[in-house]
Amino acid sequence: MRISKKSVALVIFIIIAIVVLSLILSRQQSSILTPENATITSLEKAAELNPTSAPAYFTLGEAYFAAERIDESYAAYQRAFELDASYAEAYYGLGKYFLRKNEAETALAKLEIANKLSPENTEIVFELANAYKANGKFQEAETEYELAAKLDPFLLKAYYNLGVVQTELGKLSDAILNFKKALAVNPESALTYYDLGVAYLKDNQPDQAIKSSLEALKWDPGLASSHRTIGSAYLQLGKFQDALDHYLEAFQSNPYDALLLNNIAYTYQQLGDLAEAENYYLQAMDLNKSWEEPYYNLGILYLNQGDNEKALTNLEQAIKLNPYYYEAYTNLGAIYLKEQNLQQAEQTFEKVLKFQPNDAGVLSNLGLIAYQQEQYEKAKLYFEKVLQENPESAEAYINLGIILLEEGDTETALAYAEEAVRLAPEIAQAHLNLALLLFRAQEYRRAAPEFEQALTLDQNNLEAYLYLGTCYSAIGELSKAAAALEKGLQIFPTEESLRTKLNEVYEQLGLN
């Protein structure tokens, strides 16, 4: 019997298809199949020859996926699932497909089933970790990445992604360690160096952040995000011009990054170029009108310029966008307090306490408001709470001393005033309060040096000149009294109380 060439070709094709399929079937239990060495065409033929083989369709789906024929991969994965609903790899393939399509919740559901069916399959475990990460479930992602690395200690991508999720979780030491493990396997990975730099930056290691980011730029000069990291590291170091240079370099590649524009604005603000700072804050707002940070920062800029109206507008917008932005409430309250709108200030500071019940600055401001309203007991409670939170708060001792002085408790007030001076010898008000208490107790020799020190720290204090002259006059040091009052008149030339007291001293000196 003579065999035709056509028959021979058919036999050869069938043999090839059987061999390919045999290889597929032999590997299905041990690992995810990789189709790199088989053409899509041959795999399509193999699936046609074995229309009931889930592994054949799965492997075809992998080939489509690798070739970026994503929709075709879905059809193949789905067919594998329809043929065998207990086939882990079918769920794995579908999970990968939905991740690529940014349908993270659906992807996670598929991959969790795959993992239940094949709990020690490295690729399934790794892809499950990716799905957890895509859903923002970083703790679960960390667990699965760790398992993937345990199953395959040479799985570079597991260590890299572990670093990424641990950075998100704030486990910065662990993240840094895992990025270094990934770099030990691939020391030329610009992306890994970049993420390592970010972890160092968040860990307040700016020098290491700069070093890692420069290494990223060495391997990929176009990785502009590394310039942003370097800029932020220099910002931490207080090197504002260096920070600006790198931020602007990043801006050349990505002019539509609101975070970058906000950082540029803040750096200009630190350099004193307020016009440029305002310009970049406004650009950041235009790019992301729902982000509160530029509004807050611009509000602070206006506040520092004394433009309370614009500051209020921007701080209120920041709060509207983020009702939990307690720093914005704090500065808003400070504006109200400065404008003597005590009721609004009090209400605003009380809102801060809902978020930060032990904020010493806010408690102190509420104490000042109560004091100005002559609610002394209420004020004392606030200042005493400040001391509970910060036993070394000189400001709280100063304010409590003032209130006790008003109430006539001179002895306790004096003790608080002495403690304030001990804690903060650089604060003029601390010395002034102590001096006033000593003056009231007629301890003029002890009071005079405190008034002198208060004036050394703040020469624009009318009260201190008047009391200092009176102290020296009381102890008979008339020349010193005259000198103190004369100096006061140089600064306050129209102040009649100083002139009257000076004339009294001149008369005692026989100079009138």
Protein backbone atom coordinates (compact mmCIF):
# COMPACT_ATOMS: atom_id res chain seq x y z
CA MET A 1 0.00 0.00 0.00
CA ARG A 2 1.45 3.37 -1.02
CA ILE A 3 1.26 6.19 1.57
CA SER A 4 0.76 9.68 0.13
CA LYS A 5 2.86 12.70 1.11
CA LYS A 6 -0.32 14.30 2.46
CA SER A 7 -0.91 11.34 4.78
CA VAL A 8 2.71 11.45 6.00
CA ALA A 9 2.37 15.18 6.83
CA LEU A 10 -0.83 14.54 8.74
CA VAL A 11 0.79 11.74 10.76
CA ILE A 12 3.78 13.97 11.60
CA PHE A 13 1.50 16.83 12.73
CA ILE A 14 -0.54 14.48 14.96
CA ILE A 15 2.67 13.13 16.54
CA ILE A 16 3.90 16.67 17.26
CA ALA A 17 0.55 17.65 18.78
CA ILE A 18 0.54 14.53 20.97
CA VAL A 19 4.09 15.22 22.17
CA VAL A 20 3.20 18.83 23.07
CA LEU A 21 0.06 17.76 24.87
CA SER A 22 1.93 14.98 26.73
CA LEU A 23 4.42 17.53 28.01
CA ILE A 24 1.56 19.74 29.16
CA LEU A 25 -0.24 16.93 30.96
CA SER A 26 2.94 15.66 32.63
CA ARG A 27 3.58 19.06 34.23
CA GLN A 28 0.09 20.05 35.39
CA GLN A 29 0.45 18.62 38.91
CA SER A 30 3.83 20.11 39.75
CA SER A 31 3.79 23.75 38.62
CA ILE A 32 2.19 26.45 36.51
CA LEU A 33 2.95 25.65 32.88
CA THR A 34 5.11 28.05 30.88
CA PRO A 35 4.61 28.11 27.11
CA GLU A 36 7.71 30.06 26.11
CA ASN A 37 9.02 27.31 23.79
CA ALA A 38 5.73 26.54 22.06
CA THR A 39 4.10 28.76 19.49
CA ILE A 40 0.57 30.01 19.97
CA THR A 41 -0.40 28.27 16.76
CA SER A 42 0.76 24.87 17.94
CA LEU A 43 -1.00 25.36 21.26
CA GLU A 44 -4.20 26.30 19.50
CA LYS A 45 -3.91 23.08 17.47
CA ALA A 46 -3.24 21.10 20.64
CA ALA A 47 -6.39 22.55 22.24
CA GLU A 48 -8.38 21.66 19.12
CA LEU A 49 -7.10 18.08 19.26
CA ASN A 50 -7.97 17.85 22.98
CA PRO A 51 -11.14 19.94 23.36
CA THR A 52 -11.86 18.50 26.80
CA SER A 53 -8.39 19.24 28.28
CA ALA A 54 -8.43 22.09 30.80
CA PRO A 55 -4.58 22.17 30.95
CA ALA A 56 -4.43 22.62 27.17
CA TYR A 57 -6.69 25.66 27.26
CA PHE A 58 -4.93 27.07 30.32
CA THR A 59 -1.56 26.84 28.61
CA LEU A 60 -3.02 28.49 25.53
CA GLY A 61 -4.30 31.27 27.80
CA GLU A 62 -0.81 31.71 29.23
CA ALA A 63 0.58 32.07 25.72
CA TYR A 64 -2.03 34.68 24.82
CA PHE A 65 -1.35 36.53 28.08
CA ALA A 66 2.40 36.57 27.48
CA ALA A 67 1.77 37.92 23.97
CA GLU A 68 -0.44 40.70 25.40
CA ARG A 69 -3.51 39.21 23.71
CA ILE A 70 -5.37 39.72 26.94
CA ASP A 71 -8.97 39.26 25.84
CA GLU A 72 -8.09 36.03 24.07
CA SER A 73 -6.35 34.81 27.20
CA TYR A 74 -9.59 35.32 29.13
CA ALA A 75 -11.51 33.13 26.67
CA ALA A 76 -8.92 30.36 27.04
CA TYR A 77 -8.80 30.59 30.85
CA GLN A 78 -12.58 30.62 31.01
CA ARG A 79 -12.76 27.53 28.79
CA ALA A 80 -10.29 25.75 31.10
CA PHE A 81 -12.54 26.61 34.05
CA GLU A 82 -15.66 25.38 32.24
CA LEU A 83 -13.93 22.08 31.49
CA ASP A 84 -12.71 21.55 35.06
CA ALA A 85 -14.12 23.73 37.86
CA SER A 86 -11.62 22.19 40.30
CA TYR A 87 -8.58 23.14 38.19
CA ALA A 88 -6.55 25.64 40.29
CA GLU A 89 -4.63 27.02 37.31
CA ALA A 90 -7.87 28.09 35.59
CA TYR A 91 -8.74 30.30 38.55
CA TYR A 92 -5.14 31.53 38.64
CA GLY A 93 -5.32 32.57 34.98
CA LEU A 94 -8.64 34.32 35.47
CA GLY A 95 -7.25 36.10 38.52
CA LYS A 96 -4.29 37.36 36.49
CA TYR A 97 -6.65 38.54 33.75
CA PHE A 98 -8.86 40.52 36.15
CA LEU A 99 -5.81 42.06 37.82
CA ARG A 100 -4.64 43.26 34.41
CA LYS A 101 -8.09 44.73 33.83
CA ASN A 102 -7.90 46.53 37.21
CA GLU A 103 -10.83 44.55 38.58
CA ALA A 104 -9.06 43.87 41.84
CA GLU A 105 -11.97 42.47 43.87
CA THR A 106 -12.92 39.94 41.19
CA ALA A 107 -9.26 38.98 40.79
CA LEU A 108 -8.94 38.37 44.52
CA ALA A 109 -12.01 36.12 44.60
CA LYS A 110 -10.60 33.95 41.78
CA LEU A 111 -7.13 33.74 43.29
CA GLU A 112 -8.39 32.84 46.74
CA ILE A 113 -10.15 29.83 45.19
CA ALA A 114 -6.97 28.93 43.28
CA ASN A 115 -5.01 29.09 46.51
CA LYS A 116 -7.47 26.82 48.33
CA LEU A 117 -7.17 24.27 45.54
CA SER A 118 -3.36 24.51 45.35
CA PRO A 119 -2.03 26.14 48.55
CA GLU A 120 1.67 25.55 47.88
CA ASN A 121 1.84 26.61 44.25
CA THR A 122 4.37 29.43 44.28
CA GLU A 123 2.96 31.37 41.34
CA ILE A 124 -0.58 31.16 42.70
CA VAL A 125 0.57 32.34 46.13
CA PHE A 126 2.51 35.20 44.55
CA GLU A 127 -0.41 36.30 42.38
CA LEU A 128 -2.74 36.09 45.38
CA ALA A 129 -0.36 38.47 47.18
CA ASN A 130 -0.56 40.82 44.19
CA ALA A 131 -4.36 40.76 44.42
CA TYR A 132 -4.29 41.56 48.13
CA LYS A 133 -1.93 44.44 47.41
CA ALA A 134 -4.19 45.75 44.62
CA ASN A 135 -7.11 45.73 47.10
CA GLY A 136 -5.11 47.67 49.68
CA LYS A 137 -4.92 44.65 52.01
CA PHE A 138 -1.24 45.05 52.72
CA GLN A 139 -1.07 42.85 55.81
CA GLU A 140 -2.52 39.88 53.91
CA ALA A 141 -0.29 40.67 50.95
CA GLU A 142 2.77 40.62 53.21
CA THR A 143 1.82 37.15 54.52
CA GLU A 144 1.44 35.72 51.01
CA TYR A 145 4.63 37.30 49.67
CA GLU A 146 6.52 35.84 52.63
CA LEU A 147 5.07 32.40 51.83
CA ALA A 148 6.03 32.77 48.16
CA ALA A 149 9.60 33.62 49.17
CA LYS A 150 9.64 30.63 51.50
CA LEU A 151 8.41 28.31 48.74
CA ASP A 152 11.01 29.71 46.32
CA PRO A 153 13.93 31.49 48.05
CA PHE A 154 15.17 32.69 44.65
CA LEU A 155 11.91 34.40 43.69
CA LEU A 156 13.23 37.94 43.26
CA LYS A 157 9.83 39.53 42.71
CA ALA A 158 8.59 38.23 46.07
CA TYR A 159 11.31 40.10 47.97
CA TYR A 160 10.76 43.27 45.95
CA ASN A 161 7.00 43.27 46.51
CA LEU A 162 7.47 42.43 50.18
CA GLY A 163 9.49 45.63 50.43
CA VAL A 164 6.71 47.58 48.72
CA VAL A 165 3.91 46.41 51.03
CA GLN A 166 6.08 46.69 54.14
CA THR A 167 6.80 50.29 53.19
CA GLU A 168 3.04 50.85 53.05
CA LEU A 169 2.66 49.17 56.45
CA GLY A 170 5.37 51.32 57.98
CA LYS A 171 7.63 48.31 58.57
CA LEU A 172 10.52 50.24 57.13
CA SER A 173 13.42 48.19 58.53
CA ASP A 174 11.90 45.01 57.08
CA ALA A 175 11.19 46.76 53.78
CA ILE A 176 14.78 47.96 53.49
CA LEU A 177 16.05 44.45 54.21
CA ASN A 178 13.86 42.89 51.50
CA PHE A 179 14.78 45.50 48.89
CA LYS A 180 18.42 44.68 49.63
CA LYS A 181 17.70 40.95 49.16
CA ALA A 182 16.14 41.73 45.78
CA LEU A 183 19.17 43.81 44.82
CA ALA A 184 21.50 40.98 45.82
CA VAL A 185 19.90 38.94 43.03
CA ASN A 186 19.54 41.82 40.57
CA PRO A 187 21.94 44.66 41.43
CA GLU A 188 21.00 46.62 38.31
CA SER A 189 17.30 47.14 39.10
CA ALA A 190 16.60 50.87 38.97
CA LEU A 191 13.06 50.38 40.28
CA THR A 192 14.27 48.49 43.35
CA TYR A 193 16.83 51.20 44.12
CA TYR A 194 14.05 53.79 43.73
CA ASP A 195 11.74 52.03 46.19
CA LEU A 196 14.63 51.47 48.58
CA GLY A 197 15.23 55.23 48.47
CA VAL A 198 11.57 55.86 49.31
CA ALA A 199 11.79 53.48 52.29
CA TYR A 200 14.93 55.23 53.55
CA LEU A 201 13.20 58.60 53.18
CA LYS A 202 10.18 57.45 55.21
CA ASP A 203 12.58 56.02 57.79
CA ASN A 204 14.18 59.47 58.20
CA GLN A 205 17.46 58.37 56.66
CA PRO A 206 17.82 61.13 54.04
CA ASP A 207 21.49 60.47 53.26
CA GLN A 208 20.75 56.82 52.42
CA ALA A 209 17.66 57.89 50.45
CA ILE A 210 19.84 60.15 48.30
CA LYS A 211 22.43 57.41 47.79
CA SER A 212 19.85 54.81 46.70
CA SER A 213 18.01 57.26 44.45
CA LEU A 214 21.23 58.28 42.70
CA GLU A 215 21.91 54.59 42.11
CA ALA A 216 18.44 54.28 40.55
CA LEU A 217 19.27 57.16 38.21
CA LYS A 218 22.55 55.48 37.32
CA TRP A 219 20.67 52.47 35.93
CA ASP A 220 17.75 54.46 34.55
CA PRO A 221 18.45 58.19 34.01
CA GLY A 222 14.85 58.67 32.95
CA LEU A 223 13.43 57.61 36.30
CA ALA A 224 12.34 61.14 37.25
CA SER A 225 10.62 60.01 40.46
CA SER A 226 14.07 59.46 41.94
CA HIS A 227 14.72 63.18 41.62
CA ARG A 228 11.58 63.79 43.66
CA THR A 229 12.84 61.44 46.37
CA ILE A 230 16.22 63.18 46.40
CA GLY A 231 14.46 66.54 46.64
CA SER A 232 12.45 65.37 49.65
CA ALA A 233 15.61 63.98 51.28
CA TYR A 234 17.37 67.32 50.90
CA LEU A 235 14.25 68.97 52.31
CA GLN A 236 14.61 66.78 55.42
CA LEU A 237 18.24 67.91 55.67
CA GLY A 238 17.24 71.57 55.39
CA LYS A 239 19.17 71.98 52.12
CA PHE A 240 16.41 73.85 50.36
CA GLN A 241 18.24 74.91 47.21
CA ASP A 242 19.44 71.34 46.56
CA ALA A 243 15.89 70.15 47.17
CA LEU A 244 14.51 72.67 44.70
CA ASP A 245 17.05 71.71 42.03
CA HIS A 246 15.97 68.06 42.12
CA TYR A 247 12.27 68.87 42.35
CA LEU A 248 12.55 71.04 39.25
CA GLU A 249 14.43 68.26 37.48
CA ALA A 250 11.54 65.89 38.25
CA PHE A 251 9.09 68.59 37.13
CA GLN A 252 10.64 68.62 33.65
CA SER A 253 9.55 65.03 33.16
CA ASN A 254 6.24 65.21 35.02
CA PRO A 255 4.67 68.69 35.11
CA TYR A 256 1.26 67.28 36.06
CA ASP A 257 2.14 65.81 39.45
CA ALA A 258 0.20 67.75 42.12
CA LEU A 259 2.33 66.34 44.96
CA LEU A 260 5.51 67.44 43.21
CA LEU A 261 4.10 70.94 42.58
CA ASN A 262 3.11 71.21 46.25
CA ASN A 263 6.64 70.23 47.29
CA ILE A 264 8.17 72.76 44.91
CA ALA A 265 5.91 75.45 46.35
CA TYR A 266 6.84 74.54 49.92
CA THR A 267 10.55 74.65 49.06
CA TYR A 268 10.22 78.09 47.47
CA GLN A 269 8.40 79.15 50.64
CA GLN A 270 11.34 78.00 52.76
CA LEU A 271 13.72 79.90 50.48
CA GLY A 272 11.66 83.05 50.96
CA ASP A 273 10.40 83.28 47.38
CA LEU A 274 6.75 83.63 48.34
CA ALA A 275 5.53 84.67 44.91
CA GLU A 276 6.83 81.45 43.33
CA ALA A 277 5.51 79.46 46.28
CA GLU A 278 2.04 80.91 45.77
CA ASN A 279 2.26 80.22 42.02
CA TYR A 280 3.08 76.53 42.45
CA TYR A 281 0.49 76.01 45.20
CA LEU A 282 -2.15 77.39 42.83
CA GLN A 283 -0.94 75.07 40.06
CA ALA A 284 -1.18 72.10 42.44
CA MET A 285 -4.76 73.10 43.27
CA ASP A 286 -5.67 73.32 39.59
CA LEU A 287 -4.36 69.79 39.02
CA ASN A 288 -6.13 68.30 42.04
CA LYS A 289 -8.97 70.40 43.39
CA SER A 290 -10.00 67.67 45.84
CA TRP A 291 -6.62 67.54 47.64
CA GLU A 292 -6.49 69.57 50.83
CA GLU A 293 -2.72 69.93 51.28
CA PRO A 294 -2.02 72.82 48.85
CA TYR A 295 -4.93 74.79 50.33
CA TYR A 296 -3.55 74.29 53.82
CA ASN A 297 0.00 75.24 52.85
CA LEU A 298 -1.15 78.32 50.94
CA GLY A 299 -3.25 79.28 53.96
CA ILE A 300 -0.15 79.13 56.17
CA LEU A 301 1.77 81.22 53.62
CA TYR A 302 -0.93 83.92 53.73
CA LEU A 303 -1.09 83.67 57.53
CA ASN A 304 2.66 84.33 57.77
CA GLN A 305 2.20 87.32 55.47
CA GLY A 306 -0.51 88.70 57.75
CA ASP A 307 -3.27 88.26 55.17
CA ASN A 308 -5.78 86.68 57.53
CA GLU A 309 -8.67 86.89 55.06
CA LYS A 310 -6.95 84.79 52.40
CA ALA A 311 -5.55 82.49 55.08
CA LEU A 312 -9.06 81.86 56.42
CA THR A 313 -10.43 81.14 52.94
CA ASN A 314 -7.78 78.51 52.19
CA LEU A 315 -7.80 76.88 55.61
CA GLU A 316 -11.58 76.60 55.51
CA GLN A 317 -11.33 74.95 52.07
CA ALA A 318 -8.75 72.49 53.40
CA ILE A 319 -11.15 71.57 56.22
CA LYS A 320 -14.04 71.25 53.76
CA LEU A 321 -11.99 68.75 51.75
CA ASN A 322 -10.77 66.94 54.87
CA PRO A 323 -13.00 67.44 57.94
CA TYR A 324 -10.40 65.62 60.07
CA TYR A 325 -7.53 67.99 59.22
CA TYR A 326 -6.83 69.09 62.77
CA GLU A 327 -3.73 71.15 61.85
CA ALA A 328 -5.99 73.32 59.69
CA TYR A 329 -8.43 73.74 62.59
CA THR A 330 -5.52 74.67 64.87
CA ASN A 331 -4.31 77.47 62.59
CA LEU A 332 -7.85 78.62 61.90
CA GLY A 333 -8.39 78.92 65.64
CA ALA A 334 -5.15 80.89 65.96
CA ILE A 335 -6.45 83.42 63.42
CA TYR A 336 -9.71 83.83 65.30
CA LEU A 337 -7.77 84.25 68.57
CA LYS A 338 -5.48 86.85 66.99
CA GLU A 339 -8.54 88.77 65.79
CA GLN A 340 -10.04 88.48 69.30
CA ASN A 341 -12.99 86.48 67.97
CA LEU A 342 -12.92 84.45 71.15
CA GLN A 343 -16.13 82.51 70.64
CA GLN A 344 -15.12 81.28 67.18
CA ALA A 345 -11.60 80.53 68.39
CA GLU A 346 -12.91 78.50 71.32
CA GLN A 347 -15.29 76.49 69.13
CA THR A 348 -12.52 75.77 66.61
CA PHE A 349 -9.99 74.67 69.22
CA GLU A 350 -12.60 72.44 70.86
CA LYS A 351 -12.99 70.66 67.50
CA VAL A 352 -9.25 69.97 67.50
CA LEU A 353 -9.55 68.30 70.91
CA LYS A 354 -11.96 65.77 69.38
CA PHE A 355 -9.07 64.54 67.22
CA GLN A 356 -6.16 65.37 69.54
CA PRO A 357 -7.48 65.54 73.12
CA ASN A 358 -4.01 66.02 74.60
CA ASP A 359 -2.67 68.68 72.23
CA ALA A 360 -0.78 70.98 74.62
CA GLY A 361 -0.82 73.95 72.27
CA VAL A 362 -4.58 73.81 71.82
CA LEU A 363 -5.17 73.30 75.55
CA SER A 364 -2.96 76.32 76.22
CA ASN A 365 -4.93 78.44 73.73
CA LEU A 366 -8.21 77.42 75.32
CA GLY A 367 -6.71 78.41 78.67
CA LEU A 368 -5.80 81.84 77.29
CA ILE A 369 -9.34 82.30 75.94
CA ALA A 370 -10.82 81.39 79.32
CA TYR A 371 -8.39 83.81 81.04
CA GLN A 372 -9.36 86.67 78.72
CA GLN A 373 -13.01 85.97 79.57
CA GLU A 374 -12.04 86.08 83.28
CA GLN A 375 -12.98 82.42 83.67
CA TYR A 376 -9.97 81.77 85.88
CA GLU A 377 -10.91 78.35 87.23
CA LYS A 378 -11.59 77.07 83.72
CA ALA A 379 -8.30 78.54 82.53
CA LYS A 380 -6.41 76.87 85.38
CA LEU A 381 -7.90 73.50 84.46
CA TYR A 382 -6.63 73.84 80.89
CA PHE A 383 -3.13 74.90 81.97
CA GLU A 384 -2.95 72.15 84.59
CA LYS A 385 -3.85 69.62 81.88
CA VAL A 386 -1.01 71.02 79.78
CA LEU A 387 1.34 70.26 82.67
CA GLN A 388 -0.05 66.72 82.90
CA GLU A 389 0.88 66.20 79.26
CA ASN A 390 4.14 68.13 79.48
CA PRO A 391 5.48 68.64 83.02
CA GLU A 392 8.23 70.89 81.64
CA SER A 393 5.97 73.38 79.89
CA ALA A 394 7.35 76.76 80.94
CA GLU A 395 4.43 78.46 79.20
CA ALA A 396 1.93 76.63 81.41
CA TYR A 397 3.82 77.64 84.55
CA ILE A 398 3.94 81.26 83.32
CA ASN A 399 0.19 81.34 82.65
CA LEU A 400 -0.72 79.62 85.91
CA GLY A 401 1.51 82.08 87.73
CA ILE A 402 -0.34 85.01 86.13
CA ILE A 403 -3.74 83.61 87.12
CA LEU A 404 -2.64 82.90 90.70
CA LEU A 405 -1.25 86.43 90.90
CA GLU A 406 -4.66 87.76 89.80
CA GLU A 407 -6.30 85.64 92.50
CA GLY A 408 -3.88 86.89 95.17
CA ASP A 409 -2.09 83.58 95.79
CA THR A 410 1.34 85.21 95.67
CA GLU A 411 3.24 82.36 97.30
CA THR A 412 2.15 79.67 94.81
CA ALA A 413 2.42 82.13 91.93
CA LEU A 414 6.02 82.86 92.95
CA ALA A 415 6.86 79.15 93.01
CA TYR A 416 5.40 78.71 89.50
CA ALA A 417 7.24 81.76 88.22
CA GLU A 418 10.59 80.48 89.55
CA GLU A 419 9.94 77.10 87.89
CA ALA A 420 9.15 78.82 84.58
CA VAL A 421 12.47 80.68 84.68
CA ARG A 422 14.30 77.46 85.49
CA LEU A 423 12.67 75.67 82.55
CA ALA A 424 12.91 78.51 80.03
CA PRO A 425 15.53 81.11 80.96
CA GLU A 426 15.41 82.36 77.35
CA ILE A 427 11.76 83.53 77.60
CA ALA A 428 11.37 87.20 78.56
CA GLN A 429 7.86 86.74 79.96
CA ALA A 430 9.12 84.16 82.47
CA HIS A 431 11.59 86.67 83.94
CA LEU A 432 9.01 89.46 83.84
CA ASN A 433 6.43 87.42 85.76
CA LEU A 434 8.95 86.47 88.41
CA ALA A 435 10.10 90.08 88.66
CA LEU A 436 6.53 91.35 89.09
CA LEU A 437 5.87 88.85 91.87
CA LEU A 438 9.07 89.81 93.67
CA PHE A 439 8.17 93.47 93.22
CA ARG A 440 4.75 92.87 94.75
CA ALA A 441 6.48 91.16 97.69
CA GLN A 442 8.71 94.29 97.96
CA GLU A 443 11.82 92.20 97.28
CA TYR A 444 13.24 94.93 95.07
CA ARG A 445 16.87 93.73 95.05
CA ARG A 446 15.78 90.32 93.75
CA ALA A 447 13.28 91.80 91.33
CA ALA A 448 15.70 94.23 89.61
CA PRO A 449 17.94 91.56 87.97
CA GLU A 450 14.86 89.74 86.66
CA PHE A 451 13.56 92.95 85.08
CA GLU A 452 17.03 93.50 83.59
CA GLN A 453 17.04 90.01 82.11
CA ALA A 454 13.53 90.44 80.73
CA LEU A 455 14.69 93.61 78.95
CA THR A 456 17.81 91.91 77.63
CA LEU A 457 15.55 89.34 75.98
CA ASP A 458 12.91 91.87 74.89
CA GLN A 459 13.79 95.56 75.02
CA ASN A 460 10.34 96.65 73.83
CA ASN A 461 8.62 96.15 77.17
CA LEU A 462 7.31 99.38 78.65
CA GLU A 463 6.22 97.76 81.91
CA ALA A 464 9.70 96.37 82.59
CA TYR A 465 11.41 99.80 82.24
CA LEU A 466 8.94 101.41 84.60
CA TYR A 467 9.21 98.74 87.27
CA LEU A 468 13.00 98.49 86.93
CA GLY A 469 13.35 102.23 87.53
CA THR A 470 11.02 101.96 90.51
CA CYS A 471 13.03 99.04 91.97
CA TYR A 472 16.33 100.92 91.75
CA SER A 473 14.70 104.02 93.20
CA ALA A 474 13.31 102.01 96.12
CA ILE A 475 16.74 100.62 97.06
CA GLY A 476 18.44 104.01 96.64
CA GLU A 477 20.34 103.29 93.41
CA LEU A 478 19.08 106.47 91.78
CA SER A 479 21.59 106.61 88.91
CA LYS A 480 20.56 103.13 87.77
CA ALA A 481 16.92 104.12 88.14
CA ALA A 482 17.45 107.19 85.93
CA ALA A 483 19.36 105.14 83.34
CA ALA A 484 16.58 102.55 83.09
CA LEU A 485 13.86 105.18 82.74
CA GLU A 486 15.85 107.20 80.21
CA LYS A 487 16.35 104.12 78.07
CA GLY A 488 12.64 103.41 78.28
CA LEU A 489 11.85 106.92 77.06
CA GLN A 490 14.16 106.46 74.08
CA ILE A 491 11.96 103.55 72.98
CA PHE A 492 8.63 105.01 74.21
CA PRO A 493 9.19 108.79 73.92
CA THR A 494 5.52 109.71 74.46
CA GLU A 495 4.94 107.53 77.51
CA GLU A 496 3.99 109.89 80.35
CA SER A 497 4.32 107.27 83.13
CA LEU A 498 8.04 106.93 82.36
CA ARG A 499 8.56 110.68 82.19
CA THR A 500 6.74 111.25 85.48
CA LYS A 501 8.82 108.61 87.28
CA LEU A 502 12.05 109.93 85.74
CA ASN A 503 11.26 113.46 86.96
CA GLU A 504 10.79 112.05 90.47
CA VAL A 505 14.23 110.40 90.28
CA TYR A 506 15.83 113.58 88.90
CA GLU A 507 14.37 115.48 91.82
CA GLN A 508 15.87 112.96 94.26
CA LEU A 509 19.20 113.40 92.49
CA GLY A 510 18.85 117.16 92.70
CA LEU A 511 18.85 117.56 88.94
CA ASN A 512 15.58 119.50 88.58
